[in-house]
């Protein structure tokens, strides 16, 4: 899955099933500051990423830096894939 497709799929998931706000989500939206995603929403996103990408996310990696925005999530996944490839 390309980074752009992952971002689009994450935005669709968040807007459809998780967001607690009615405003559009863009890759740079601070999901926690806006209240769009709460801690349970982050867990749902982690589960979705693991299922869609056939990966296992270490609970120690579920931190604000990696899940504050769709952009941060895509970057985190990209770093994981780069490490796995090397």
C-alpha atoms as a PDB file:
ATOM      1  CA  UNK A   1       0.000   0.000   0.000  1.00  0.00           C
ATOM      2  CA  UNK A   2       1.408   3.384  -0.950  1.00  0.00           C
ATOM      3  CA  UNK A   3       1.736   6.131   1.667  1.00  0.00           C
ATOM      4  CA  UNK A   4      -0.939   8.180  -0.125  1.00  0.00           C
ATOM      5  CA  UNK A   5      -3.355   5.235  -0.156  1.00  0.00           C
ATOM      6  CA  UNK A   6      -2.661   4.492   3.501  1.00  0.00           C
ATOM      7  CA  UNK A   7      -3.355   8.128   4.395  1.00  0.00           C
ATOM      8  CA  UNK A   8      -6.611   8.112   2.416  1.00  0.00           C
ATOM      9  CA  UNK A   9      -7.724   4.836   3.999  1.00  0.00           C
ATOM     10  CA  UNK A  10      -6.875   6.075   7.496  1.00  0.00           C
ATOM     11  CA  UNK A  11      -8.797   9.306   6.943  1.00  0.00           C
ATOM     12  CA  UNK A  12     -11.806   7.340   5.687  1.00  0.00           C
ATOM     13  CA  UNK A  13     -11.663   5.024   8.706  1.00  0.00           C
ATOM     14  CA  UNK A  14     -11.363   7.897  11.157  1.00  0.00           C
ATOM     15  CA  UNK A  15     -14.157   9.946   9.573  1.00  0.00           C
ATOM     16  CA  UNK A  16     -16.465   6.938   9.180  1.00  0.00           C
ATOM     17  CA  UNK A  17     -15.939   5.023  12.411  1.00  0.00           C
ATOM     18  CA  UNK A  18     -13.897   6.929  14.974  1.00  0.00           C
ATOM     19  CA  UNK A  19     -14.083  10.727  14.753  1.00  0.00           C
ATOM     20  CA  UNK A  20     -15.903  12.481  17.533  1.00  0.00           C
ATOM     21  CA  UNK A  21     -16.128  15.679  15.452  1.00  0.00           C
ATOM     22  CA  UNK A  22     -17.914  16.495  12.220  1.00  0.00           C
ATOM     23  CA  UNK A  23     -15.077  18.476  10.671  1.00  0.00           C
ATOM     24  CA  UNK A  24     -13.066  17.013   7.796  1.00  0.00           C
ATOM     25  CA  UNK A  25      -9.822  15.246   8.646  1.00  0.00           C
ATOM     26  CA  UNK A  26      -6.688  16.020   6.620  1.00  0.00           C
ATOM     27  CA  UNK A  27      -3.302  14.314   7.026  1.00  0.00           C
ATOM     28  CA  UNK A  28      -1.998  17.145   9.223  1.00  0.00           C
ATOM     29  CA  UNK A  29      -5.031  17.343  11.558  1.00  0.00           C
ATOM     30  CA  UNK A  30      -4.003  17.005  15.211  1.00  0.00           C
ATOM     31  CA  UNK A  31      -6.417  14.209  16.025  1.00  0.00           C
ATOM     32  CA  UNK A  32      -6.008  14.439  19.777  1.00  0.00           C
ATOM     33  CA  UNK A  33      -5.998  18.220  20.207  1.00  0.00           C
ATOM     34  CA  UNK A  34      -9.154  18.566  18.082  1.00  0.00           C
ATOM     35  CA  UNK A  35     -10.847  15.769  20.020  1.00  0.00           C
ATOM     36  CA  UNK A  36     -11.391  13.769  16.834  1.00  0.00           C
ATOM     37  CA  UNK A  37      -9.770  10.678  18.348  1.00  0.00           C
ATOM     38  CA  UNK A  38      -9.608   9.580  21.969  1.00  0.00           C
ATOM     39  CA  UNK A  39      -7.510   6.808  23.506  1.00  0.00           C
ATOM     40  CA  UNK A  40     -10.005   4.125  22.490  1.00  0.00           C
ATOM     41  CA  UNK A  41      -9.904   5.502  18.949  1.00  0.00           C
ATOM     42  CA  UNK A  42      -6.115   5.158  18.910  1.00  0.00           C
ATOM     43  CA  UNK A  43      -6.484   1.502  19.905  1.00  0.00           C
ATOM     44  CA  UNK A  44      -8.984   0.969  17.084  1.00  0.00           C
ATOM     45  CA  UNK A  45      -6.560   2.592  14.621  1.00  0.00           C
ATOM     46  CA  UNK A  46      -3.701   0.385  15.856  1.00  0.00           C
ATOM     47  CA  UNK A  47      -5.895  -2.716  15.411  1.00  0.00           C
ATOM     48  CA  UNK A  48      -6.863  -1.586  11.910  1.00  0.00           C
ATOM     49  CA  UNK A  49      -3.235  -0.926  10.918  1.00  0.00           C
ATOM     50  CA  UNK A  50      -2.163  -4.333  12.199  1.00  0.00           C
ATOM     51  CA  UNK A  51      -4.944  -6.049  10.287  1.00  0.00           C
ATOM     52  CA  UNK A  52      -4.591  -4.112   7.030  1.00  0.00           C
ATOM     53  CA  UNK A  53      -0.797  -4.181   6.881  1.00  0.00           C
ATOM     54  CA  UNK A  54      -0.247  -7.611   8.475  1.00  0.00           C
ATOM     55  CA  UNK A  55       2.092  -6.124  11.077  1.00  0.00           C
ATOM     56  CA  UNK A  56       2.309  -6.164  14.838  1.00  0.00           C
ATOM     57  CA  UNK A  57       2.712  -2.811  16.549  1.00  0.00           C
ATOM     58  CA  UNK A  58       4.658  -2.909  19.792  1.00  0.00           C
ATOM     59  CA  UNK A  59       2.607  -1.302  22.583  1.00  0.00           C
ATOM     60  CA  UNK A  60       5.699   0.802  23.388  1.00  0.00           C
ATOM     61  CA  UNK A  61       5.322   2.375  19.919  1.00  0.00           C
ATOM     62  CA  UNK A  62       1.782   3.600  20.645  1.00  0.00           C
ATOM     63  CA  UNK A  63       2.859   7.086  21.623  1.00  0.00           C
ATOM     64  CA  UNK A  64       1.644  10.587  20.854  1.00  0.00           C
ATOM     65  CA  UNK A  65       4.481  11.195  18.379  1.00  0.00           C
ATOM     66  CA  UNK A  66       3.347   8.281  16.179  1.00  0.00           C
ATOM     67  CA  UNK A  67      -0.434   8.726  16.400  1.00  0.00           C
ATOM     68  CA  UNK A  68      -1.074  12.471  16.678  1.00  0.00           C
ATOM     69  CA  UNK A  69      -2.047  12.766  13.013  1.00  0.00           C
ATOM     70  CA  UNK A  70      -2.572  10.655   9.924  1.00  0.00           C
ATOM     71  CA  UNK A  71       0.671  12.132   8.590  1.00  0.00           C
ATOM     72  CA  UNK A  72       2.529  10.897  11.710  1.00  0.00           C
ATOM     73  CA  UNK A  73       0.989   7.424  11.399  1.00  0.00           C
ATOM     74  CA  UNK A  74       2.017   7.104   7.750  1.00  0.00           C
ATOM     75  CA  UNK A  75       5.549   8.248   8.618  1.00  0.00           C
ATOM     76  CA  UNK A  76       5.709   5.718  11.482  1.00  0.00           C
ATOM     77  CA  UNK A  77       4.607   2.874   9.184  1.00  0.00           C
ATOM     78  CA  UNK A  78       7.135   4.007   6.580  1.00  0.00           C
ATOM     79  CA  UNK A  79       9.961   3.921   9.126  1.00  0.00           C
ATOM     80  CA  UNK A  80       8.899   0.432  10.243  1.00  0.00           C
ATOM     81  CA  UNK A  81       8.868  -0.824   6.666  1.00  0.00           C
ATOM     82  CA  UNK A  82      12.281   0.714   5.979  1.00  0.00           C
ATOM     83  CA  UNK A  83      13.745  -0.987   9.061  1.00  0.00           C
ATOM     84  CA  UNK A  84      12.173  -4.328   8.134  1.00  0.00           C
ATOM     85  CA  UNK A  85      13.617  -4.088   4.621  1.00  0.00           C
ATOM     86  CA  UNK A  86      17.171  -3.471   5.808  1.00  0.00           C
END
